[in-house]
Amino acid sequence: MLKRKIEQQLLDWKDQTNHKPLIIKGCRQCGKTSSVLDFARKNYKHIVYLNFFENPDYASVFAGSLEIDNIIMLLTALLGSKAVFEPRETVLIFDEIQECPEARTALKFFHVDGRFDVIATGSLLGVKGYGKQPRSIPVGSETVMDMYPLDFEEFLWANGITETVTDTLKKHLNNETPVPDALHKRMRELLLQYTVVGGMPEAVQHFVDTKQMDGVLKIQRDIVRSYEDDMVKYAEGKDKSNIKECFQSIPKQLSKENKKFQYSVVRKGASASRYEGSLQWIEDAGIISRSYNLSITELPLDGNAEKNIFKVYMKDSGLFVSMLEDGTQFDILNGNILRYKGAVFENLIADIFSKMGRKLYYFHKDSGLELDFVIRYKGKCTPVEVKATTGNTKSLKTVLNHPEKYHVENAIKLGDYNVGRMDRILTLPAYMAFLLRDL
């Protein structure tokens, strides 16, 4: 069982007095069900598990009265000895709750009743065109928690890197001192492995158990195909092909010199009016992240974001690499990612930042000045440049040399080098991106 951060989040939720029913949202196959069941086994005496995708008949329990005693009566009749209801000792797990909208409506009644905990999971909640809507969404009666594929730190845990090692890296970051060579080399290797493997639990477990990359790639491509199947199965009418085209264009979008998402790359002559809903569908499904261009490098970032100018990244680096041609894994593991013009490296940092809960922003001007990412760090607007190799930082220097225009005091450069500083630019090994947590 892979160690996941959501374990602590679930414990914190359970420890809250009068906690509400919990909904865990996330893309398909990111580990929601296994994490919830593992938590339930450790923390409850009885588990009542309903998977609405595998057993559509369970929805009939919620078709009539949603009074809790009535639901309990029907569940005990349906499940027999598998359904034991003991106040504060029983947890109900509603898996794939989007398949049974009335079960979500029932969360309000479970909250008011208060005898039993409820945890629901959903893969396509809120996705346009997916299934029926509940009679009413129980606003104020549920807690929603987002879950992602494994982030880089969880990947480190899976590969035997302890929190003691992470604390050592934090000290080197805070003190701006180089990481010892042996540790630096190991972390560089793990970052390249994470770039290729990503964080889908099945792929990570296979990698940890076997170290066989062909098996990892097969798992990833099966997941990508399942996403495409969802697009065809659940999208509305004309959107089916549009969504799939948008999704399949992502590698092309990121291979361009200007990585701004362009609908004309999806199909020649295409417009936003035709495809923007399709792109939103993919984002709502938890598959991609958008990075918005800033009109000015100044806090608050969201207030300065241009919502119609953006880049699109795959939420998971490993799935992105699997969408590229055969041989890409080998190239990356050998440190050869120059031929991909920064696409892989940028998507990697987008993966790390978005799984930390950071919204993504960048800065681009028609003059050619561009900053790969802009984040809020230690209370300041901070540009972050990512370089597969040393590379030049002309845009970064331009911004730093004109504080009256760009309102930037310091910057960070991530790449294949150790910790150091050059004037107002802090250079960091790319594997330290996950440590840039201070807001």
Protein backbone atom coordinates (compact mmCIF):
# COMPACT_ATOMS: atom_id res chain seq x y z
CA MET A 1 0.00 0.00 0.00
CA LEU A 2 1.52 3.29 -1.11
CA LYS A 3 1.70 5.99 1.54
CA ARG A 4 -0.53 8.92 0.59
CA LYS A 5 -0.89 12.40 2.07
CA ILE A 6 -4.66 12.06 2.03
CA GLU A 7 -4.32 9.62 4.96
CA GLN A 8 -3.54 12.54 7.29
CA GLN A 9 -6.22 14.69 5.70
CA LEU A 10 -8.78 11.98 6.39
CA LEU A 11 -7.66 11.71 10.00
CA ASP A 12 -7.93 15.48 10.41
CA TRP A 13 -11.44 15.34 8.96
CA LYS A 14 -12.51 12.55 11.32
CA ASP A 15 -11.09 14.38 14.34
CA GLN A 16 -13.22 17.46 13.68
CA THR A 17 -16.25 17.75 15.94
CA ASN A 18 -19.53 17.35 14.06
CA HIS A 19 -17.72 16.79 10.78
CA LYS A 20 -19.81 16.72 7.62
CA PRO A 21 -20.02 13.92 5.05
CA LEU A 22 -16.90 13.98 2.89
CA ILE A 23 -16.62 13.93 -0.90
CA ILE A 24 -13.25 13.12 -2.43
CA LYS A 25 -12.93 14.32 -6.03
CA GLY A 26 -10.19 13.34 -8.44
CA CYS A 27 -9.42 11.94 -11.86
CA ARG A 28 -10.04 8.27 -12.51
CA GLN A 29 -7.49 5.79 -11.12
CA CYS A 30 -5.67 8.28 -8.86
CA GLY A 31 -6.18 6.06 -5.79
CA LYS A 32 -9.36 7.41 -4.20
CA THR A 33 -11.05 4.09 -3.47
CA SER A 34 -7.99 2.26 -2.12
CA SER A 35 -7.05 5.17 0.14
CA VAL A 36 -10.57 5.50 1.55
CA LEU A 37 -10.97 1.77 2.16
CA ASP A 38 -7.57 1.57 3.85
CA PHE A 39 -8.49 4.50 6.10
CA ALA A 40 -11.88 2.98 6.91
CA ARG A 41 -10.39 -0.39 7.90
CA LYS A 42 -8.01 1.32 10.31
CA ASN A 43 -10.50 3.71 11.90
CA TYR A 44 -13.96 2.11 11.96
CA LYS A 45 -15.48 -1.06 13.34
CA HIS A 46 -17.93 -1.49 10.44
CA ILE A 47 -17.80 -0.49 6.75
CA VAL A 48 -20.83 -0.32 4.47
CA TYR A 49 -19.44 -0.08 0.94
CA LEU A 50 -21.54 0.81 -2.10
CA ASN A 51 -19.98 1.07 -5.56
CA PHE A 52 -22.61 2.67 -7.79
CA PHE A 53 -20.59 2.10 -10.96
CA GLU A 54 -20.20 -1.65 -10.46
CA ASN A 55 -23.68 -2.11 -8.95
CA PRO A 56 -26.18 0.35 -10.48
CA ASP A 57 -28.99 -1.41 -8.56
CA TYR A 58 -27.77 0.22 -5.34
CA ALA A 59 -29.27 3.48 -6.63
CA SER A 60 -32.76 2.11 -5.93
CA VAL A 61 -32.09 2.53 -2.19
CA PHE A 62 -32.10 6.31 -2.68
CA ALA A 63 -34.99 6.49 -5.18
CA GLY A 64 -37.68 7.14 -2.56
CA SER A 65 -37.56 8.58 0.93
CA LEU A 66 -34.15 9.81 2.03
CA GLU A 67 -34.97 9.53 5.73
CA ILE A 68 -31.94 7.81 7.26
CA ASP A 69 -33.80 5.00 9.04
CA ASN A 70 -35.47 4.13 5.74
CA ILE A 71 -32.10 4.03 3.94
CA ILE A 72 -30.69 1.80 6.71
CA MET A 73 -33.66 -0.56 6.47
CA LEU A 74 -33.23 -0.92 2.69
CA LEU A 75 -29.45 -1.39 2.91
CA THR A 76 -29.72 -4.11 5.54
CA ALA A 77 -32.34 -5.85 3.41
CA LEU A 78 -30.10 -5.55 0.33
CA LEU A 79 -26.71 -6.36 1.87
CA GLY A 80 -27.66 -8.57 4.81
CA SER A 81 -24.79 -9.18 7.25
CA LYS A 82 -22.48 -6.90 5.23
CA ALA A 83 -24.40 -3.87 6.51
CA VAL A 84 -23.94 -3.30 10.25
CA PHE A 85 -25.03 0.10 11.55
CA GLU A 86 -23.58 1.08 14.90
CA PRO A 87 -23.59 4.81 15.75
CA ARG A 88 -20.09 6.38 15.50
CA GLU A 89 -18.59 2.99 14.64
CA THR A 90 -19.94 2.60 11.10
CA VAL A 91 -18.75 4.44 8.00
CA LEU A 92 -20.66 4.37 4.73
CA ILE A 93 -18.55 4.61 1.57
CA PHE A 94 -20.35 5.75 -1.56
CA ASP A 95 -17.92 4.96 -4.38
CA GLU A 96 -18.44 6.71 -7.75
CA ILE A 97 -21.27 8.77 -6.25
CA GLN A 98 -21.75 10.63 -9.53
CA GLU A 99 -23.54 7.48 -10.77
CA CYS A 100 -26.24 8.00 -8.11
CA PRO A 101 -27.11 11.70 -7.77
CA GLU A 102 -29.76 11.02 -5.12
CA ALA A 103 -27.10 9.51 -2.85
CA ARG A 104 -25.40 12.90 -2.92
CA THR A 105 -28.67 14.59 -2.01
CA ALA A 106 -28.89 12.16 0.94
CA LEU A 107 -25.65 13.52 2.40
CA LYS A 108 -27.63 16.42 3.89
CA PHE A 109 -29.81 13.98 5.81
CA PHE A 110 -26.82 11.97 7.04
CA HIS A 111 -25.28 15.20 8.31
CA VAL A 112 -28.42 16.20 10.19
CA ASP A 113 -28.81 12.66 11.60
CA GLY A 114 -25.18 12.55 12.76
CA ARG A 115 -24.95 8.89 13.75
CA PHE A 116 -22.77 7.64 10.89
CA ASP A 117 -19.82 8.96 8.95
CA VAL A 118 -20.09 9.06 5.15
CA ILE A 119 -17.23 9.26 2.66
CA ALA A 120 -18.04 9.53 -1.03
CA THR A 121 -15.71 9.42 -4.02
CA GLY A 122 -16.34 10.86 -7.47
CA SER A 123 -14.34 10.89 -10.70
CA LEU A 124 -16.45 13.06 -12.98
CA LEU A 125 -18.41 15.20 -10.53
CA GLY A 126 -19.38 18.49 -12.12
CA VAL A 127 -18.32 17.44 -15.62
CA LYS A 128 -20.70 18.90 -18.19
CA GLY A 129 -23.03 16.32 -19.67
CA TYR A 130 -22.16 13.62 -17.17
CA GLY A 131 -25.22 11.77 -15.87
CA LYS A 132 -28.22 13.17 -14.02
CA GLN A 133 -27.99 15.98 -11.52
CA PRO A 134 -29.09 15.48 -7.90
CA ARG A 135 -32.37 16.99 -6.74
CA SER A 136 -30.25 19.42 -4.78
CA ILE A 137 -26.54 19.62 -4.01
CA PRO A 138 -26.28 19.63 -0.20
CA VAL A 139 -24.49 22.96 0.10
CA GLY A 140 -23.25 23.43 3.65
CA SER A 141 -23.74 19.74 4.45
CA GLU A 142 -20.68 18.27 2.79
CA THR A 143 -16.92 18.76 2.78
CA VAL A 144 -15.16 18.44 -0.58
CA MET A 145 -11.53 17.31 -0.79
CA ASP A 146 -9.48 17.12 -3.98
CA MET A 147 -7.17 14.17 -4.60
CA TYR A 148 -4.46 13.88 -7.24
CA PRO A 149 -2.16 11.16 -8.49
CA LEU A 150 0.94 10.76 -6.30
CA ASP A 151 2.98 13.94 -6.10
CA PHE A 152 6.78 13.96 -6.21
CA GLU A 153 7.13 13.70 -2.43
CA GLU A 154 4.81 10.69 -2.29
CA PHE A 155 6.86 9.16 -5.12
CA LEU A 156 9.97 9.70 -2.99
CA TRP A 157 8.31 7.89 -0.08
CA ALA A 158 7.44 4.98 -2.36
CA ASN A 159 11.13 4.75 -3.30
CA GLY A 160 12.43 4.70 0.25
CA ILE A 161 13.25 8.39 0.72
CA THR A 162 12.39 9.26 4.32
CA GLU A 163 11.16 12.54 5.76
CA THR A 164 14.59 12.89 7.40
CA VAL A 165 16.09 13.20 3.93
CA THR A 166 13.41 15.71 2.96
CA ASP A 167 14.23 17.76 6.06
CA THR A 168 17.89 17.76 5.01
CA LEU A 169 16.93 19.13 1.61
CA LYS A 170 14.82 21.83 3.27
CA LYS A 171 17.84 22.96 5.31
CA HIS A 172 19.97 23.28 2.19
CA LEU A 173 17.19 25.28 0.53
CA ASN A 174 16.75 27.60 3.50
CA ASN A 175 20.50 28.06 4.01
CA GLU A 176 21.17 28.25 0.25
CA THR A 177 23.95 25.68 0.52
CA PRO A 178 24.79 22.91 -2.01
CA VAL A 179 23.35 19.44 -1.47
CA PRO A 180 26.08 16.78 -0.86
CA ASP A 181 27.05 15.03 -4.09
CA ALA A 182 25.75 11.55 -3.22
CA LEU A 183 22.31 12.83 -2.21
CA HIS A 184 22.23 15.26 -5.13
CA LYS A 185 22.92 12.45 -7.60
CA ARG A 186 20.23 10.21 -6.09
CA MET A 187 17.62 12.98 -6.15
CA ARG A 188 18.41 13.80 -9.79
CA GLU A 189 17.85 10.14 -10.69
CA LEU A 190 14.56 10.03 -8.82
CA LEU A 191 13.34 13.21 -10.52
CA LEU A 192 13.98 11.74 -13.97
CA GLN A 193 12.22 8.55 -12.90
CA TYR A 194 9.24 10.55 -11.63
CA THR A 195 9.14 12.49 -14.90
CA VAL A 196 8.60 9.21 -16.74
CA VAL A 197 6.58 7.22 -14.19
CA GLY A 198 4.44 10.05 -12.85
CA GLY A 199 2.02 9.46 -10.01
CA MET A 200 -0.75 7.10 -11.12
CA PRO A 201 -0.71 4.54 -8.28
CA GLU A 202 -0.75 1.43 -10.48
CA ALA A 203 2.19 2.74 -12.53
CA VAL A 204 4.16 3.74 -9.42
CA GLN A 205 3.57 0.39 -7.73
CA HIS A 206 4.65 -1.49 -10.84
CA PHE A 207 7.81 0.61 -11.06
CA VAL A 208 8.66 0.12 -7.39
CA ASP A 209 8.07 -3.63 -7.61
CA THR A 210 9.75 -4.37 -10.93
CA LYS A 211 11.66 -1.32 -12.27
CA GLN A 212 10.36 -2.42 -15.70
CA MET A 213 9.51 0.63 -17.74
CA ASP A 214 7.71 -1.24 -20.53
CA GLY A 215 5.09 -2.34 -18.01
CA VAL A 216 4.78 1.22 -16.69
CA LEU A 217 4.20 2.54 -20.21
CA LYS A 218 1.50 -0.06 -20.90
CA ILE A 219 -0.33 0.89 -17.70
CA GLN A 220 -0.12 4.59 -18.56
CA ARG A 221 -1.36 4.16 -22.11
CA ASP A 222 -4.25 2.02 -20.86
CA ILE A 223 -5.20 4.87 -18.51
CA VAL A 224 -4.99 7.41 -21.34
CA ARG A 225 -7.22 5.20 -23.47
CA SER A 226 -9.71 4.91 -20.61
CA TYR A 227 -9.82 8.71 -20.40
CA GLU A 228 -10.52 8.88 -24.14
CA ASP A 229 -13.25 6.26 -23.72
CA ASP A 230 -14.84 8.46 -21.01
CA MET A 231 -14.79 11.40 -23.41
CA VAL A 232 -16.69 9.42 -26.02
CA LYS A 233 -19.01 7.72 -23.54
CA TYR A 234 -20.03 10.57 -21.29
CA ALA A 235 -19.71 13.80 -23.30
CA GLU A 236 -22.75 15.28 -24.97
CA GLY A 237 -23.41 14.71 -28.69
CA LYS A 238 -21.14 16.89 -30.83
CA ASP A 239 -18.66 17.41 -27.97
CA LYS A 240 -17.47 13.80 -28.11
CA SER A 241 -15.01 14.22 -30.98
CA ASN A 242 -14.12 17.80 -30.00
CA ILE A 243 -13.04 16.78 -26.50
CA LYS A 244 -10.90 13.94 -27.80
CA GLU A 245 -9.26 16.23 -30.39
CA CYS A 246 -8.47 18.82 -27.70
CA PHE A 247 -6.95 16.18 -25.48
CA GLN A 248 -4.82 14.63 -28.21
CA SER A 249 -3.48 18.05 -29.23
CA ILE A 250 -1.74 18.67 -25.89
CA PRO A 251 1.69 17.27 -26.92
CA LYS A 252 1.59 19.45 -30.06
CA GLN A 253 0.62 22.50 -28.01
CA LEU A 254 3.60 22.08 -25.69
CA SER A 255 6.10 21.27 -28.43
CA LYS A 256 5.61 24.72 -29.97
CA GLU A 257 8.09 27.52 -29.23
CA ASN A 258 5.16 29.57 -27.96
CA LYS A 259 3.34 27.09 -25.75
CA LYS A 260 0.17 29.17 -25.46
CA PHE A 261 -2.84 26.94 -26.13
CA GLN A 262 -4.16 27.60 -29.63
CA TYR A 263 -7.43 26.15 -30.88
CA SER A 264 -6.05 26.23 -34.43
CA VAL A 265 -3.60 23.51 -33.37
CA VAL A 266 -6.54 21.28 -32.41
CA ARG A 267 -7.91 21.67 -35.94
CA LYS A 268 -7.00 24.12 -38.67
CA GLY A 269 -9.32 27.10 -38.57
CA ALA A 270 -10.87 26.08 -35.23
CA SER A 271 -12.12 28.76 -32.82
CA ALA A 272 -12.62 29.09 -29.10
CA SER A 273 -16.39 29.13 -29.54
CA ARG A 274 -16.26 25.57 -30.85
CA TYR A 275 -13.69 24.04 -28.50
CA GLU A 276 -13.59 25.98 -25.23
CA GLY A 277 -16.34 23.81 -23.71
CA SER A 278 -14.42 20.69 -24.71
CA LEU A 279 -11.28 21.92 -22.99
CA GLN A 280 -13.30 22.75 -19.88
CA TRP A 281 -14.64 19.18 -19.86
CA ILE A 282 -11.08 17.79 -19.73
CA GLU A 283 -10.13 20.19 -16.96
CA ASP A 284 -13.24 19.36 -14.91
CA ALA A 285 -12.33 15.67 -15.23
CA GLY A 286 -9.05 16.43 -13.42
CA ILE A 287 -6.82 15.49 -16.35
CA ILE A 288 -5.21 18.85 -17.15
CA SER A 289 -4.14 22.10 -15.49
CA ARG A 290 -4.19 25.54 -17.06
CA SER A 291 -1.50 28.15 -16.57
CA TYR A 292 -2.79 31.68 -17.14
CA ASN A 293 -0.82 34.55 -18.60
CA LEU A 294 -0.43 37.57 -16.31
CA SER A 295 -1.04 41.09 -17.52
CA ILE A 296 1.55 42.25 -14.98
CA THR A 297 3.94 40.52 -12.57
CA GLU A 298 2.30 41.69 -9.39
CA LEU A 299 0.24 40.24 -6.54
CA PRO A 300 -2.53 39.18 -6.39
CA LEU A 301 -1.73 36.82 -9.23
CA ASP A 302 -5.29 35.67 -9.85
CA GLY A 303 -6.45 39.27 -10.13
CA ASN A 304 -3.90 39.90 -12.89
CA ALA A 305 -4.53 36.69 -14.85
CA GLU A 306 -5.79 36.93 -18.44
CA LYS A 307 -8.40 34.18 -18.54
CA ASN A 308 -8.41 33.87 -22.34
CA ILE A 309 -4.62 33.41 -22.68
CA PHE A 310 -3.25 30.21 -21.17
CA LYS A 311 -1.10 27.12 -21.53
CA VAL A 312 -2.36 23.61 -20.87
CA TYR A 313 -0.37 20.94 -19.04
CA MET A 314 -1.18 17.34 -18.22
CA LYS A 315 -1.85 17.02 -14.49
CA ASP A 316 0.42 13.98 -14.40
CA SER A 317 3.89 14.05 -15.94
CA GLY A 318 4.02 10.30 -16.56
CA LEU A 319 0.79 10.31 -18.57
CA PHE A 320 2.12 13.21 -20.65
CA VAL A 321 5.32 11.32 -21.47
CA SER A 322 3.28 8.25 -22.39
CA MET A 323 1.48 10.33 -25.03
CA LEU A 324 4.79 11.05 -26.79
CA GLU A 325 6.51 8.73 -29.24
CA ASP A 326 8.17 5.45 -28.27
CA GLY A 327 11.69 5.92 -27.00
CA THR A 328 10.87 9.08 -25.04
CA GLN A 329 11.15 7.27 -21.71
CA PHE A 330 14.65 6.04 -22.57
CA ASP A 331 15.78 9.51 -23.63
CA ILE A 332 14.52 11.16 -20.43
CA LEU A 333 16.02 8.55 -18.10
CA ASN A 334 19.36 9.18 -19.80
CA GLY A 335 19.02 12.92 -19.25
CA ASN A 336 18.40 13.70 -22.90
CA ILE A 337 15.32 15.90 -23.03
CA LEU A 338 16.70 18.71 -25.19
CA ARG A 339 14.88 17.48 -28.28
CA TYR A 340 11.53 18.12 -26.61
CA LYS A 341 12.16 21.88 -26.43
CA GLY A 342 11.33 22.16 -22.75
CA ALA A 343 7.87 20.59 -23.05
CA VAL A 344 8.65 17.67 -20.76
CA PHE A 345 10.50 19.81 -18.24
CA GLU A 346 7.81 22.48 -18.07
CA ASN A 347 5.07 19.87 -17.70
CA LEU A 348 7.07 18.28 -14.88
CA ILE A 349 7.20 21.55 -12.90
CA ALA A 350 3.52 22.21 -13.66
CA ASP A 351 2.77 18.71 -12.28
CA ILE A 352 4.71 19.43 -9.08
CA PHE A 353 3.22 22.88 -8.53
CA SER A 354 -0.39 21.92 -9.30
CA LYS A 355 -0.30 18.86 -7.04
CA MET A 356 0.91 21.17 -4.26
CA GLY A 357 -2.34 23.08 -4.74
CA ARG A 358 -0.68 26.02 -6.49
CA LYS A 359 -2.59 27.72 -9.29
CA LEU A 360 -0.40 28.11 -12.35
CA TYR A 361 0.60 31.42 -13.93
CA TYR A 362 3.19 32.59 -16.46
CA PHE A 363 4.18 35.90 -18.05
CA HIS A 364 4.52 36.52 -21.78
CA LYS A 365 4.83 39.71 -23.82
CA ASP A 366 4.73 40.10 -27.59
CA SER A 367 8.31 41.38 -27.45
CA GLY A 368 9.39 37.81 -26.68
CA LEU A 369 9.91 38.27 -22.96
CA GLU A 370 8.57 35.18 -21.17
CA LEU A 371 8.73 33.74 -17.66
CA ASP A 372 7.82 30.05 -17.43
CA PHE A 373 6.01 30.32 -14.09
CA VAL A 374 5.19 33.07 -11.63
CA ILE A 375 4.34 32.11 -8.05
CA ARG A 376 3.65 33.76 -4.72
CA TYR A 377 6.64 32.81 -2.57
CA LYS A 378 7.35 34.17 0.90
CA GLY A 379 4.86 36.95 0.32
CA LYS A 380 6.45 38.14 -2.92
CA CYS A 381 5.68 37.82 -6.62
CA THR A 382 8.44 35.46 -7.72
CA PRO A 383 9.28 34.38 -11.29
CA VAL A 384 10.40 30.77 -11.73
CA GLU A 385 12.40 29.82 -14.80
CA VAL A 386 12.87 26.16 -15.68
CA LYS A 387 15.84 25.04 -17.75
CA ALA A 388 16.65 21.50 -18.87
CA THR A 389 20.30 22.64 -18.94
CA THR A 390 22.02 25.83 -17.84
CA GLY A 391 20.40 27.91 -20.59
CA ASN A 392 20.21 31.70 -20.69
CA THR A 393 17.91 33.71 -18.49
CA LYS A 394 17.59 36.87 -20.56
CA SER A 395 13.92 37.42 -19.70
CA LEU A 396 14.59 36.86 -16.01
CA LYS A 397 17.39 39.40 -15.97
CA THR A 398 15.29 41.93 -17.87
CA VAL A 399 12.51 41.68 -15.29
CA LEU A 400 14.91 41.94 -12.35
CA ASN A 401 16.70 44.94 -13.85
CA HIS A 402 13.46 46.93 -14.08
CA PRO A 403 11.73 46.62 -10.68
CA GLU A 404 9.82 49.86 -11.28
CA LYS A 405 8.09 48.18 -14.24
CA TYR A 406 7.80 44.53 -13.19
CA HIS A 407 7.62 44.79 -9.37
CA VAL A 408 9.90 41.81 -8.87
CA GLU A 409 12.75 41.69 -6.33
CA ASN A 410 14.00 38.08 -6.54
CA ALA A 411 13.66 35.08 -8.82
CA ILE A 412 14.21 31.33 -8.84
CA LYS A 413 15.85 29.24 -11.56
CA LEU A 414 15.19 25.49 -11.57
CA GLY A 415 17.44 23.19 -13.55
CA ASP A 416 20.05 20.46 -13.56
CA TYR A 417 22.42 22.04 -11.06
CA ASN A 418 22.96 22.38 -7.34
CA VAL A 419 21.87 25.10 -4.91
CA GLY A 420 23.49 28.46 -5.44
CA ARG A 421 22.81 32.15 -5.82
CA MET A 422 23.75 34.72 -8.42
CA ASP A 423 22.73 38.18 -7.20
CA ARG A 424 18.93 38.12 -6.98
CA ILE A 425 18.51 34.74 -8.72
CA LEU A 426 18.36 31.67 -6.47
CA THR A 427 19.37 28.61 -8.51
CA LEU A 428 17.93 25.31 -7.35
CA PRO A 429 18.01 21.71 -8.56
CA ALA A 430 14.64 20.97 -10.18
CA TYR A 431 13.93 18.27 -7.59
CA MET A 432 13.55 21.05 -4.98
CA ALA A 433 10.45 22.49 -6.68
CA PHE A 434 8.20 20.56 -4.29
CA LEU A 435 9.79 22.39 -1.34
CA LEU A 436 8.70 25.85 -2.56
CA ARG A 437 5.69 25.83 -0.25
CA ASP A 438 6.01 29.11 1.63
CA LEU A 439 3.33 31.58 0.59
